[in-house]
N, C-alpha and C. Protein backbone atom coordinates (compact mmCIF):
# COMPACT_ATOMS: atom_id res chain seq x y z
N MET A 1 23.17 -28.51 -124.40
CA MET A 1 24.34 -28.92 -125.18
C MET A 1 24.17 -28.41 -126.61
N SER A 2 25.23 -27.82 -127.16
CA SER A 2 25.12 -27.30 -128.51
C SER A 2 25.13 -28.43 -129.54
N ASP A 3 24.54 -28.11 -130.68
CA ASP A 3 24.44 -29.08 -131.76
C ASP A 3 25.80 -29.28 -132.43
N LYS A 4 25.99 -30.40 -133.06
CA LYS A 4 27.21 -30.67 -133.82
C LYS A 4 27.28 -29.70 -135.00
N VAL A 5 28.48 -29.20 -135.28
CA VAL A 5 28.63 -28.22 -136.35
C VAL A 5 28.28 -28.81 -137.72
N TRP A 6 28.53 -30.10 -137.92
CA TRP A 6 28.21 -30.70 -139.21
C TRP A 6 26.70 -30.79 -139.42
N LYS A 7 25.95 -30.96 -138.32
CA LYS A 7 24.49 -30.96 -138.43
C LYS A 7 23.99 -29.57 -138.80
N GLN A 8 24.63 -28.55 -138.22
CA GLN A 8 24.24 -27.18 -138.53
C GLN A 8 24.54 -26.86 -139.99
N LEU A 9 25.65 -27.36 -140.52
CA LEU A 9 25.96 -27.18 -141.94
C LEU A 9 24.84 -27.77 -142.79
N GLU A 10 24.41 -28.97 -142.47
CA GLU A 10 23.32 -29.62 -143.21
C GLU A 10 22.03 -28.81 -143.11
N ARG A 11 21.72 -28.30 -141.92
CA ARG A 11 20.53 -27.46 -141.74
C ARG A 11 20.61 -26.18 -142.56
N ASP A 12 21.79 -25.56 -142.57
CA ASP A 12 21.98 -24.32 -143.32
C ASP A 12 21.81 -24.54 -144.82
N VAL A 13 22.38 -25.63 -145.33
CA VAL A 13 22.23 -25.96 -146.75
C VAL A 13 20.76 -26.21 -147.07
N ALA A 14 20.10 -26.99 -146.24
CA ALA A 14 18.68 -27.28 -146.44
C ALA A 14 17.86 -25.99 -146.46
N ALA A 15 18.12 -25.11 -145.51
CA ALA A 15 17.38 -23.84 -145.43
C ALA A 15 17.59 -22.99 -146.68
N ALA A 16 18.82 -22.99 -147.20
CA ALA A 16 19.12 -22.20 -148.40
C ALA A 16 18.29 -22.66 -149.59
N PHE A 17 17.89 -23.93 -149.61
CA PHE A 17 17.11 -24.48 -150.72
C PHE A 17 15.65 -24.70 -150.35
N GLY A 18 15.26 -24.24 -149.17
CA GLY A 18 13.86 -24.35 -148.76
C GLY A 18 13.40 -25.76 -148.49
N VAL A 19 14.32 -26.62 -148.05
CA VAL A 19 13.98 -28.01 -147.74
C VAL A 19 14.49 -28.35 -146.34
N VAL A 20 14.56 -29.62 -146.01
CA VAL A 20 14.97 -30.03 -144.67
C VAL A 20 16.19 -30.94 -144.70
N ARG A 21 16.86 -30.97 -143.56
CA ARG A 21 17.99 -31.88 -143.35
C ARG A 21 17.45 -33.30 -143.21
N ASN A 22 18.15 -34.25 -143.79
CA ASN A 22 17.80 -35.66 -143.62
C ASN A 22 18.40 -36.11 -142.29
N ARG A 23 17.57 -36.27 -141.28
CA ARG A 23 18.10 -36.56 -139.94
C ARG A 23 18.70 -37.94 -139.79
N VAL A 24 18.42 -38.82 -140.73
CA VAL A 24 19.01 -40.16 -140.70
C VAL A 24 19.59 -40.51 -142.07
N SER A 25 20.45 -39.66 -142.60
CA SER A 25 21.01 -39.92 -143.92
C SER A 25 21.72 -41.26 -143.92
N GLY A 26 21.58 -41.96 -145.01
CA GLY A 26 22.15 -43.29 -145.13
C GLY A 26 21.15 -44.39 -144.78
N ALA A 27 20.05 -44.03 -144.15
CA ALA A 27 19.03 -45.03 -143.79
C ALA A 27 18.27 -45.48 -145.03
N VAL A 28 17.92 -46.72 -145.07
CA VAL A 28 17.27 -47.30 -146.25
C VAL A 28 15.82 -46.84 -146.42
N ASP A 29 15.14 -46.52 -145.34
CA ASP A 29 13.72 -46.20 -145.42
C ASP A 29 13.43 -44.74 -145.77
N GLN A 30 14.43 -43.94 -146.05
CA GLN A 30 14.24 -42.53 -146.36
C GLN A 30 14.09 -42.31 -147.86
N LEU A 31 13.66 -41.10 -148.22
CA LEU A 31 13.54 -40.74 -149.62
C LEU A 31 14.89 -40.64 -150.30
N THR A 32 15.93 -40.35 -149.53
CA THR A 32 17.28 -40.19 -150.07
C THR A 32 18.30 -40.60 -149.03
N ARG A 33 19.46 -40.98 -149.49
CA ARG A 33 20.57 -41.24 -148.58
C ARG A 33 21.41 -39.98 -148.39
N GLY A 34 21.08 -38.93 -149.14
CA GLY A 34 21.79 -37.66 -149.04
C GLY A 34 21.56 -36.99 -147.70
N ASP A 35 22.37 -35.98 -147.42
CA ASP A 35 22.29 -35.28 -146.14
C ASP A 35 21.12 -34.30 -146.07
N VAL A 36 20.58 -33.93 -147.23
CA VAL A 36 19.48 -32.99 -147.32
C VAL A 36 18.40 -33.59 -148.22
N VAL A 37 17.14 -33.45 -147.84
CA VAL A 37 16.04 -34.01 -148.62
C VAL A 37 15.61 -32.98 -149.67
N HIS A 38 15.87 -33.30 -150.93
CA HIS A 38 15.51 -32.42 -152.05
C HIS A 38 15.09 -33.31 -153.21
N ARG A 39 14.11 -32.88 -153.97
CA ARG A 39 13.60 -33.73 -155.05
C ARG A 39 14.52 -33.85 -156.25
N ARG A 40 15.42 -32.86 -156.47
CA ARG A 40 16.28 -32.90 -157.66
C ARG A 40 17.77 -32.88 -157.37
N ILE A 41 18.15 -32.52 -156.15
CA ILE A 41 19.57 -32.37 -155.82
C ILE A 41 19.95 -33.36 -154.72
N TYR A 42 21.06 -34.06 -154.94
CA TYR A 42 21.60 -34.97 -153.92
C TYR A 42 22.75 -34.23 -153.23
N PHE A 43 22.61 -33.97 -151.96
CA PHE A 43 23.61 -33.22 -151.20
C PHE A 43 24.43 -34.16 -150.33
N GLU A 44 25.74 -34.00 -150.38
CA GLU A 44 26.66 -34.66 -149.46
C GLU A 44 27.44 -33.53 -148.81
N CYS A 45 27.21 -33.29 -147.53
CA CYS A 45 27.85 -32.18 -146.82
C CYS A 45 29.02 -32.70 -146.00
N LYS A 46 30.16 -32.04 -146.11
CA LYS A 46 31.35 -32.44 -145.35
C LYS A 46 31.88 -31.23 -144.60
N TYR A 47 32.05 -31.37 -143.31
CA TYR A 47 32.59 -30.31 -142.46
C TYR A 47 33.93 -30.78 -141.93
N SER A 48 34.97 -29.98 -142.11
CA SER A 48 36.30 -30.36 -141.66
C SER A 48 37.14 -29.11 -141.42
N LYS A 49 38.22 -29.25 -140.69
CA LYS A 49 39.12 -28.12 -140.48
C LYS A 49 39.72 -27.66 -141.80
N ARG A 50 40.07 -28.62 -142.66
CA ARG A 50 40.65 -28.31 -143.96
C ARG A 50 40.25 -29.35 -145.00
N HIS A 51 40.07 -28.87 -146.22
CA HIS A 51 39.89 -29.73 -147.38
C HIS A 51 40.90 -29.25 -148.42
N ALA A 52 41.64 -30.14 -149.03
CA ALA A 52 42.65 -29.73 -150.00
C ALA A 52 42.05 -28.90 -151.13
N ILE A 53 40.88 -29.28 -151.60
CA ILE A 53 40.26 -28.56 -152.70
C ILE A 53 39.84 -27.15 -152.27
N VAL A 54 39.46 -26.99 -151.01
CA VAL A 54 39.08 -25.65 -150.51
C VAL A 54 40.32 -24.76 -150.45
N THR A 55 41.45 -25.32 -150.09
CA THR A 55 42.69 -24.55 -150.09
C THR A 55 42.99 -24.04 -151.49
N LEU A 56 42.84 -24.90 -152.50
CA LEU A 56 43.02 -24.49 -153.89
C LEU A 56 41.99 -23.44 -154.28
N MET A 57 40.76 -23.61 -153.86
CA MET A 57 39.70 -22.66 -154.19
C MET A 57 39.97 -21.29 -153.57
N LYS A 58 40.43 -21.26 -152.34
CA LYS A 58 40.74 -19.98 -151.68
C LYS A 58 41.82 -19.22 -152.44
N GLU A 59 42.85 -19.93 -152.88
CA GLU A 59 43.91 -19.29 -153.65
C GLU A 59 43.39 -18.81 -155.01
N THR A 60 42.56 -19.60 -155.63
CA THR A 60 41.96 -19.21 -156.92
C THR A 60 41.09 -17.97 -156.74
N ARG A 61 40.27 -17.95 -155.70
CA ARG A 61 39.42 -16.77 -155.43
C ARG A 61 40.25 -15.53 -155.14
N ARG A 62 41.33 -15.70 -154.40
CA ARG A 62 42.20 -14.57 -154.09
C ARG A 62 42.76 -13.97 -155.38
N ARG A 63 43.25 -14.82 -156.26
CA ARG A 63 43.79 -14.35 -157.54
C ARG A 63 42.70 -13.74 -158.42
N ALA A 64 41.53 -14.36 -158.43
CA ALA A 64 40.42 -13.85 -159.24
C ALA A 64 39.96 -12.49 -158.72
N ASP A 65 39.89 -12.34 -157.41
CA ASP A 65 39.47 -11.06 -156.81
C ASP A 65 40.39 -9.92 -157.23
N VAL A 66 41.69 -10.19 -157.30
CA VAL A 66 42.66 -9.17 -157.71
C VAL A 66 42.33 -8.67 -159.11
N GLU A 67 41.83 -9.58 -159.97
CA GLU A 67 41.50 -9.23 -161.35
C GLU A 67 40.03 -8.87 -161.54
N GLY A 68 39.26 -8.87 -160.47
CA GLY A 68 37.84 -8.55 -160.57
C GLY A 68 37.05 -9.62 -161.31
N LYS A 69 37.44 -10.88 -161.14
CA LYS A 69 36.81 -11.99 -161.85
C LYS A 69 36.19 -12.99 -160.88
N ILE A 70 35.46 -13.94 -161.44
CA ILE A 70 34.86 -15.03 -160.69
C ILE A 70 35.89 -16.16 -160.61
N GLY A 71 36.17 -16.64 -159.42
CA GLY A 71 37.11 -17.75 -159.26
C GLY A 71 36.39 -19.08 -159.41
N VAL A 72 36.88 -19.91 -160.31
CA VAL A 72 36.29 -21.23 -160.54
C VAL A 72 37.42 -22.25 -160.65
N VAL A 73 37.31 -23.34 -159.91
CA VAL A 73 38.24 -24.46 -160.05
C VAL A 73 37.51 -25.53 -160.84
N VAL A 74 38.15 -26.01 -161.89
CA VAL A 74 37.56 -27.05 -162.73
C VAL A 74 38.42 -28.30 -162.58
N LEU A 75 37.78 -29.41 -162.24
CA LEU A 75 38.48 -30.68 -162.04
C LEU A 75 38.02 -31.69 -163.09
N GLN A 76 38.98 -32.43 -163.63
CA GLN A 76 38.66 -33.51 -164.56
C GLN A 76 39.71 -34.60 -164.37
N GLU A 77 39.25 -35.82 -164.22
CA GLU A 77 40.17 -36.95 -164.06
C GLU A 77 40.61 -37.46 -165.43
N ALA A 78 41.84 -37.94 -165.49
CA ALA A 78 42.34 -38.52 -166.72
C ALA A 78 41.46 -39.69 -167.14
N GLY A 79 41.12 -39.74 -168.41
CA GLY A 79 40.31 -40.83 -168.92
C GLY A 79 38.82 -40.68 -168.64
N ASN A 80 38.42 -39.55 -168.11
CA ASN A 80 37.01 -39.32 -167.79
C ASN A 80 36.62 -37.95 -168.34
N LYS A 81 35.53 -37.89 -169.09
CA LYS A 81 35.12 -36.63 -169.71
C LYS A 81 34.32 -35.72 -168.78
N THR A 82 33.90 -36.24 -167.64
CA THR A 82 33.12 -35.44 -166.70
C THR A 82 33.99 -34.38 -166.05
N ARG A 83 33.46 -33.15 -166.02
CA ARG A 83 34.15 -32.05 -165.36
C ARG A 83 33.34 -31.61 -164.15
N TYR A 84 34.05 -31.19 -163.12
CA TYR A 84 33.43 -30.71 -161.90
C TYR A 84 33.87 -29.27 -161.69
N TYR A 85 32.89 -28.40 -161.44
CA TYR A 85 33.16 -26.98 -161.26
C TYR A 85 32.93 -26.63 -159.79
N LEU A 86 33.92 -26.02 -159.17
CA LEU A 86 33.80 -25.57 -157.79
C LEU A 86 33.81 -24.05 -157.80
N VAL A 87 32.79 -23.47 -157.21
CA VAL A 87 32.66 -22.02 -157.17
C VAL A 87 32.13 -21.63 -155.79
N ALA A 88 32.56 -20.48 -155.31
CA ALA A 88 32.08 -19.98 -154.02
C ALA A 88 30.59 -19.67 -154.11
N GLU A 89 29.88 -19.89 -153.02
CA GLU A 89 28.44 -19.64 -152.99
C GLU A 89 28.09 -18.23 -153.46
N ARG A 90 28.91 -17.27 -153.05
CA ARG A 90 28.63 -15.88 -153.42
C ARG A 90 28.68 -15.65 -154.92
N ASP A 91 29.34 -16.55 -155.66
CA ASP A 91 29.54 -16.37 -157.10
C ASP A 91 28.64 -17.24 -157.98
N ILE A 92 27.75 -18.01 -157.39
CA ILE A 92 26.92 -18.93 -158.17
C ILE A 92 26.07 -18.19 -159.20
N ASP A 93 25.40 -17.13 -158.78
CA ASP A 93 24.55 -16.38 -159.72
C ASP A 93 25.35 -15.79 -160.86
N ALA A 94 26.49 -15.21 -160.54
CA ALA A 94 27.33 -14.60 -161.59
C ALA A 94 27.85 -15.65 -162.56
N LEU A 95 28.24 -16.81 -162.06
CA LEU A 95 28.72 -17.88 -162.93
C LEU A 95 27.60 -18.39 -163.82
N SER A 96 26.43 -18.55 -163.25
CA SER A 96 25.26 -19.00 -164.02
C SER A 96 24.95 -18.02 -165.15
N GLU A 97 25.04 -16.74 -164.84
CA GLU A 97 24.80 -15.71 -165.85
C GLU A 97 25.83 -15.81 -166.98
N GLU A 98 27.07 -16.04 -166.64
CA GLU A 98 28.13 -16.19 -167.65
C GLU A 98 27.90 -17.43 -168.52
N LEU A 99 27.39 -18.49 -167.93
CA LEU A 99 27.10 -19.70 -168.70
C LEU A 99 25.97 -19.47 -169.71
N ARG A 100 24.99 -18.65 -169.34
CA ARG A 100 23.86 -18.37 -170.22
C ARG A 100 24.21 -17.43 -171.35
N SER A 101 25.19 -16.56 -171.14
CA SER A 101 25.57 -15.61 -172.17
C SER A 101 27.09 -15.49 -172.25
N PRO A 102 27.74 -16.51 -172.83
CA PRO A 102 29.20 -16.53 -172.88
C PRO A 102 29.76 -15.40 -173.76
N GLN A 103 31.00 -15.03 -173.47
CA GLN A 103 31.69 -14.02 -174.26
C GLN A 103 32.00 -14.58 -175.64
N LYS A 104 32.12 -13.68 -176.58
CA LYS A 104 32.46 -14.13 -177.94
C LYS A 104 33.84 -13.67 -178.29
């Protein structure tokens, strides 16, 4: 019997960071309740046919690609100063580089 696709997503994320999937995420006796065991990053992995934010990200990437740019969706809730940046995995290094040496 094949594995659940959401478990494979968790395994793939863990492998990308050189760590392991938390096989019992949410359990009290584990090092983390996250889906992946990592000492500095808390991972929550969600697998679905569609996510509204992914639909927005796909359109943003499409427009960015036309201009030869990195597509980034920035979310901020009213009354909250925290910002969330969504970027495609393929663009993480390029975005990080831009953050280290911004344009003037």
